[in-house]
Amino acid sequence: MLPDLSRFEMHREAADVDLDGTPMPGLHATFHRRPAGSRTESVGVYRYAGIEIFMAWGYADEAHCRFTAYADEHGWGAPRRGCPSVDAVRDLLATLGPVPDPR
């Protein structure tokens, strides 16, 4: 089941984020959090050129994501265990093309 972002608060935003140390120019992320007992749940929603391409979630005190879901033209896919695949994200970015010039 995907996280319900309406139950989370925006924590921060970041532009040109990296995945596991791999730069991903044009990838923008918003990070959301909420208390969960003594822990904090965290969800990152990643967009490219304004299009949501994946979300990853778990607990803020863990080094890696528990789950990832990729989006396509039909909506969100099923959650998969673990962090997003750098290769899968590169493939998604390649299909979307270069980031449009905002001017």
C-alpha atoms as a PDB file:
ATOM      1  CA  MET A   1       0.000   0.000   0.000  1.00  0.00           C
ATOM      2  CA  LEU A   2       1.286   3.479  -0.893  1.00  0.00           C
ATOM      3  CA  PRO A   3       1.674   6.100   1.829  1.00  0.00           C
ATOM      4  CA  ASP A   4      -1.189   8.594   2.152  1.00  0.00           C
ATOM      5  CA  LEU A   5       0.640  11.918   1.855  1.00  0.00           C
ATOM      6  CA  SER A   6      -2.332  13.780   3.350  1.00  0.00           C
ATOM      7  CA  ARG A   7      -1.288  12.256   6.683  1.00  0.00           C
ATOM      8  CA  PHE A   8       2.288  13.619   6.427  1.00  0.00           C
ATOM      9  CA  GLU A   9       3.807  17.089   6.770  1.00  0.00           C
ATOM     10  CA  MET A  10       6.240  18.533   4.249  1.00  0.00           C
ATOM     11  CA  HIS A  11       9.727  18.342   5.727  1.00  0.00           C
ATOM     12  CA  ARG A  12      11.947  19.757   2.955  1.00  0.00           C
ATOM     13  CA  GLU A  13      12.548  20.066  -0.789  1.00  0.00           C
ATOM     14  CA  ALA A  14      15.683  19.462  -2.829  1.00  0.00           C
ATOM     15  CA  ALA A  15      16.642  20.024  -6.470  1.00  0.00           C
ATOM     16  CA  ASP A  16      19.100  18.014  -8.557  1.00  0.00           C
ATOM     17  CA  VAL A  17      19.124  15.223  -6.011  1.00  0.00           C
ATOM     18  CA  ASP A  18      21.344  12.183  -6.202  1.00  0.00           C
ATOM     19  CA  LEU A  19      20.569   8.516  -5.676  1.00  0.00           C
ATOM     20  CA  ASP A  20      23.185   6.583  -3.720  1.00  0.00           C
ATOM     21  CA  GLY A  21      25.784   9.184  -4.711  1.00  0.00           C
ATOM     22  CA  THR A  22      24.805   9.173  -8.410  1.00  0.00           C
ATOM     23  CA  PRO A  23      23.929  12.712  -9.599  1.00  0.00           C
ATOM     24  CA  MET A  24      20.519  13.010 -11.247  1.00  0.00           C
ATOM     25  CA  PRO A  25      20.330  16.524 -12.774  1.00  0.00           C
ATOM     26  CA  GLY A  26      16.754  17.774 -12.970  1.00  0.00           C
ATOM     27  CA  LEU A  27      15.430  15.333 -10.377  1.00  0.00           C
ATOM     28  CA  HIS A  28      13.456  17.232  -7.726  1.00  0.00           C
ATOM     29  CA  ALA A  29      12.313  15.721  -4.422  1.00  0.00           C
ATOM     30  CA  THR A  30       9.913  16.635  -1.672  1.00  0.00           C
ATOM     31  CA  PHE A  31      10.315  14.880   1.647  1.00  0.00           C
ATOM     32  CA  HIS A  32       7.421  14.325   4.037  1.00  0.00           C
ATOM     33  CA  ARG A  33       7.400  13.091   7.629  1.00  0.00           C
ATOM     34  CA  ARG A  34       5.074  12.085  10.434  1.00  0.00           C
ATOM     35  CA  PRO A  35       5.515  10.669  13.927  1.00  0.00           C
ATOM     36  CA  ALA A  36       5.012   6.924  14.324  1.00  0.00           C
ATOM     37  CA  GLY A  37       5.303   6.137  18.019  1.00  0.00           C
ATOM     38  CA  SER A  38       8.941   6.666  18.983  1.00  0.00           C
ATOM     39  CA  ARG A  39      10.004   6.761  15.302  1.00  0.00           C
ATOM     40  CA  THR A  40       9.433   9.014  12.310  1.00  0.00           C
ATOM     41  CA  GLU A  41       8.028   7.781   9.011  1.00  0.00           C
ATOM     42  CA  SER A  42       9.486   9.429   5.929  1.00  0.00           C
ATOM     43  CA  VAL A  43       8.339   9.589   2.290  1.00  0.00           C
ATOM     44  CA  GLY A  44      10.232  11.098  -0.617  1.00  0.00           C
ATOM     45  CA  VAL A  45       8.331  11.981  -3.796  1.00  0.00           C
ATOM     46  CA  TYR A  46      10.585  12.481  -6.817  1.00  0.00           C
ATOM     47  CA  ARG A  47       9.674  14.488  -9.908  1.00  0.00           C
ATOM     48  CA  TYR A  48      11.365  15.226 -13.189  1.00  0.00           C
ATOM     49  CA  ALA A  49      10.158  18.149 -15.318  1.00  0.00           C
ATOM     50  CA  GLY A  50       7.148  18.339 -12.982  1.00  0.00           C
ATOM     51  CA  ILE A  51       6.189  14.695 -13.520  1.00  0.00           C
ATOM     52  CA  GLU A  52       6.092  12.331 -10.520  1.00  0.00           C
ATOM     53  CA  ILE A  53       8.310   9.358 -11.331  1.00  0.00           C
ATOM     54  CA  PHE A  54       8.758   7.512  -8.057  1.00  0.00           C
ATOM     55  CA  MET A  55       8.297   7.635  -4.317  1.00  0.00           C
ATOM     56  CA  ALA A  56      10.351   5.916  -1.662  1.00  0.00           C
ATOM     57  CA  TRP A  57       9.502   5.496   2.013  1.00  0.00           C
ATOM     58  CA  GLY A  58      10.480   3.999   5.310  1.00  0.00           C
ATOM     59  CA  TYR A  59      11.721   5.356   8.637  1.00  0.00           C
ATOM     60  CA  ALA A  60      13.927   8.428   8.999  1.00  0.00           C
ATOM     61  CA  ASP A  61      16.351   6.590  11.302  1.00  0.00           C
ATOM     62  CA  GLU A  62      17.106   3.868   8.712  1.00  0.00           C
ATOM     63  CA  ALA A  63      19.865   4.250   6.129  1.00  0.00           C
ATOM     64  CA  HIS A  64      17.809   2.825   3.262  1.00  0.00           C
ATOM     65  CA  CYS A  65      14.242   2.910   1.986  1.00  0.00           C
ATOM     66  CA  ARG A  66      11.895   0.121   2.915  1.00  0.00           C
ATOM     67  CA  PHE A  67       9.791   0.481  -0.237  1.00  0.00           C
ATOM     68  CA  THR A  68       9.728   2.201  -3.629  1.00  0.00           C
ATOM     69  CA  ALA A  69       6.917   2.661  -6.144  1.00  0.00           C
ATOM     70  CA  TYR A  70       7.379   3.874  -9.716  1.00  0.00           C
ATOM     71  CA  ALA A  71       4.821   5.914 -11.637  1.00  0.00           C
ATOM     72  CA  ASP A  72       3.894   5.621 -15.293  1.00  0.00           C
ATOM     73  CA  GLU A  73       1.106   6.866 -17.555  1.00  0.00           C
ATOM     74  CA  HIS A  74      -1.349   4.623 -15.649  1.00  0.00           C
ATOM     75  CA  GLY A  75      -0.467   5.898 -12.158  1.00  0.00           C
ATOM     76  CA  TRP A  76       1.547   4.341  -9.354  1.00  0.00           C
ATOM     77  CA  GLY A  77       2.835   0.815  -9.663  1.00  0.00           C
ATOM     78  CA  ALA A  78       2.939  -1.710  -6.846  1.00  0.00           C
ATOM     79  CA  PRO A  79       5.384  -1.067  -4.010  1.00  0.00           C
ATOM     80  CA  ARG A  80       8.703  -2.917  -4.253  1.00  0.00           C
ATOM     81  CA  ARG A  81      11.010  -3.661  -1.360  1.00  0.00           C
ATOM     82  CA  GLY A  82      14.086  -1.480  -1.006  1.00  0.00           C
ATOM     83  CA  CYS A  83      15.443   1.714  -2.502  1.00  0.00           C
ATOM     84  CA  PRO A  84      14.865   2.893  -6.051  1.00  0.00           C
ATOM     85  CA  SER A  85      17.176   1.400  -8.651  1.00  0.00           C
ATOM     86  CA  VAL A  86      19.608   3.948 -10.086  1.00  0.00           C
ATOM     87  CA  ASP A  87      19.399   2.161 -13.461  1.00  0.00           C
ATOM     88  CA  ALA A  88      15.578   2.187 -13.447  1.00  0.00           C
ATOM     89  CA  VAL A  89      15.513   5.900 -12.616  1.00  0.00           C
ATOM     90  CA  ARG A  90      18.089   6.658 -15.340  1.00  0.00           C
ATOM     91  CA  ASP A  91      15.903   4.784 -17.828  1.00  0.00           C
ATOM     92  CA  LEU A  92      12.829   6.756 -16.724  1.00  0.00           C
ATOM     93  CA  LEU A  93      14.683  10.073 -17.037  1.00  0.00           C
ATOM     94  CA  ALA A  94      15.941   9.131 -20.499  1.00  0.00           C
ATOM     95  CA  THR A  95      12.380   8.502 -21.713  1.00  0.00           C
ATOM     96  CA  LEU A  96      11.283  11.924 -20.433  1.00  0.00           C
ATOM     97  CA  GLY A  97      14.122  13.766 -22.187  1.00  0.00           C
ATOM     98  CA  PRO A  98      16.056  16.834 -21.109  1.00  0.00           C
ATOM     99  CA  VAL A  99      14.669  19.174 -18.478  1.00  0.00           C
ATOM    100  CA  PRO A 100      12.842  22.048 -20.221  1.00  0.00           C
ATOM    101  CA  ASP A 101      14.447  25.496 -19.947  1.00  0.00           C
ATOM    102  CA  PRO A 102      12.224  27.527 -17.553  1.00  0.00           C
ATOM    103  CA  ARG A 103      12.740  30.761 -19.559  1.00  0.00           C
END
